[in-house]
Protein backbone atom coordinates (compact mmCIF):
# COMPACT_ATOMS: atom_id res chain seq x y z
CA UNK A 1 75.93 113.92 114.24
CA UNK A 2 76.59 110.77 112.25
CA UNK A 3 80.00 111.01 110.69
CA UNK A 4 81.37 108.44 108.34
CA UNK A 5 84.61 107.07 109.65
CA UNK A 6 87.09 106.27 106.97
CA UNK A 7 89.21 103.31 107.91
CA UNK A 8 92.15 101.90 106.06
CA UNK A 9 92.81 98.22 106.49
CA UNK A 10 96.22 97.22 105.25
CA UNK A 11 95.84 93.56 106.05
CA UNK A 12 98.55 90.97 106.22
CA UNK A 13 99.28 90.77 102.48
CA UNK A 14 100.40 87.91 100.30
CA UNK A 15 103.98 87.56 101.64
CA UNK A 16 102.64 87.48 105.20
CA UNK A 17 100.09 84.80 104.37
CA UNK A 18 102.72 82.78 102.56
CA UNK A 19 105.04 83.04 105.55
CA UNK A 20 102.31 81.90 107.95
CA UNK A 21 101.52 78.99 105.63
CA UNK A 22 105.18 77.95 105.39
CA UNK A 23 105.62 78.18 109.19
CA UNK A 24 102.53 76.01 109.72
CA UNK A 25 103.76 73.43 107.23
CA UNK A 26 107.20 73.40 108.83
CA UNK A 27 105.83 73.00 112.37
CA UNK A 28 103.50 70.19 111.24
CA UNK A 29 106.50 68.50 109.58
CA UNK A 30 104.88 68.56 106.14
CA UNK A 31 107.93 70.25 104.64
CA UNK A 32 111.54 69.73 105.62
CA UNK A 33 112.95 73.11 104.63
CA UNK A 34 115.47 75.16 106.52
CA UNK A 35 114.12 78.15 108.41
CA UNK A 36 115.82 80.45 105.87
CA UNK A 37 113.51 79.13 103.15
CA UNK A 38 110.46 79.13 105.43
CA UNK A 39 110.98 82.82 106.21
CA UNK A 40 112.07 83.72 102.67
CA UNK A 41 108.87 85.64 101.76
CA UNK A 42 109.76 88.13 104.51
CA UNK A 43 113.41 88.42 103.46
CA UNK A 44 112.52 88.79 99.78
CA UNK A 45 109.93 91.49 100.52
CA UNK A 46 112.41 93.33 102.73
CA UNK A 47 115.14 93.06 100.08
CA UNK A 48 112.94 94.39 97.28
CA UNK A 49 111.80 97.29 99.47
CA UNK A 50 115.40 98.10 100.35
CA UNK A 51 116.46 98.07 96.69
CA UNK A 52 113.59 100.40 95.77
CA UNK A 53 114.53 102.80 98.59
CA UNK A 54 118.16 102.82 97.46
CA UNK A 55 117.16 103.55 93.85
CA UNK A 56 114.82 106.37 94.96
CA UNK A 57 117.61 107.79 97.15
CA UNK A 58 120.09 107.74 94.27
CA UNK A 59 117.59 109.42 91.94
CA UNK A 60 116.83 112.06 94.58
CA UNK A 61 120.54 112.71 95.12
CA UNK A 62 121.16 113.08 91.38
CA UNK A 63 118.34 115.61 91.01
CA UNK A 64 120.03 118.08 93.37
């Protein structure tokens, strides 16, 4: 009756931790950056993912 349950924990990841750190530093007035720079780990991660998806899409379209 005892089954092993396989769980996958993705976690927050490095960009997420960096974003939380930057937001904390900004709110505590330790850094005086614009919000664009504070949230940049999210934008950079999103941009890299988008570029990879575009490249994969182009490669898939060329294989047809």
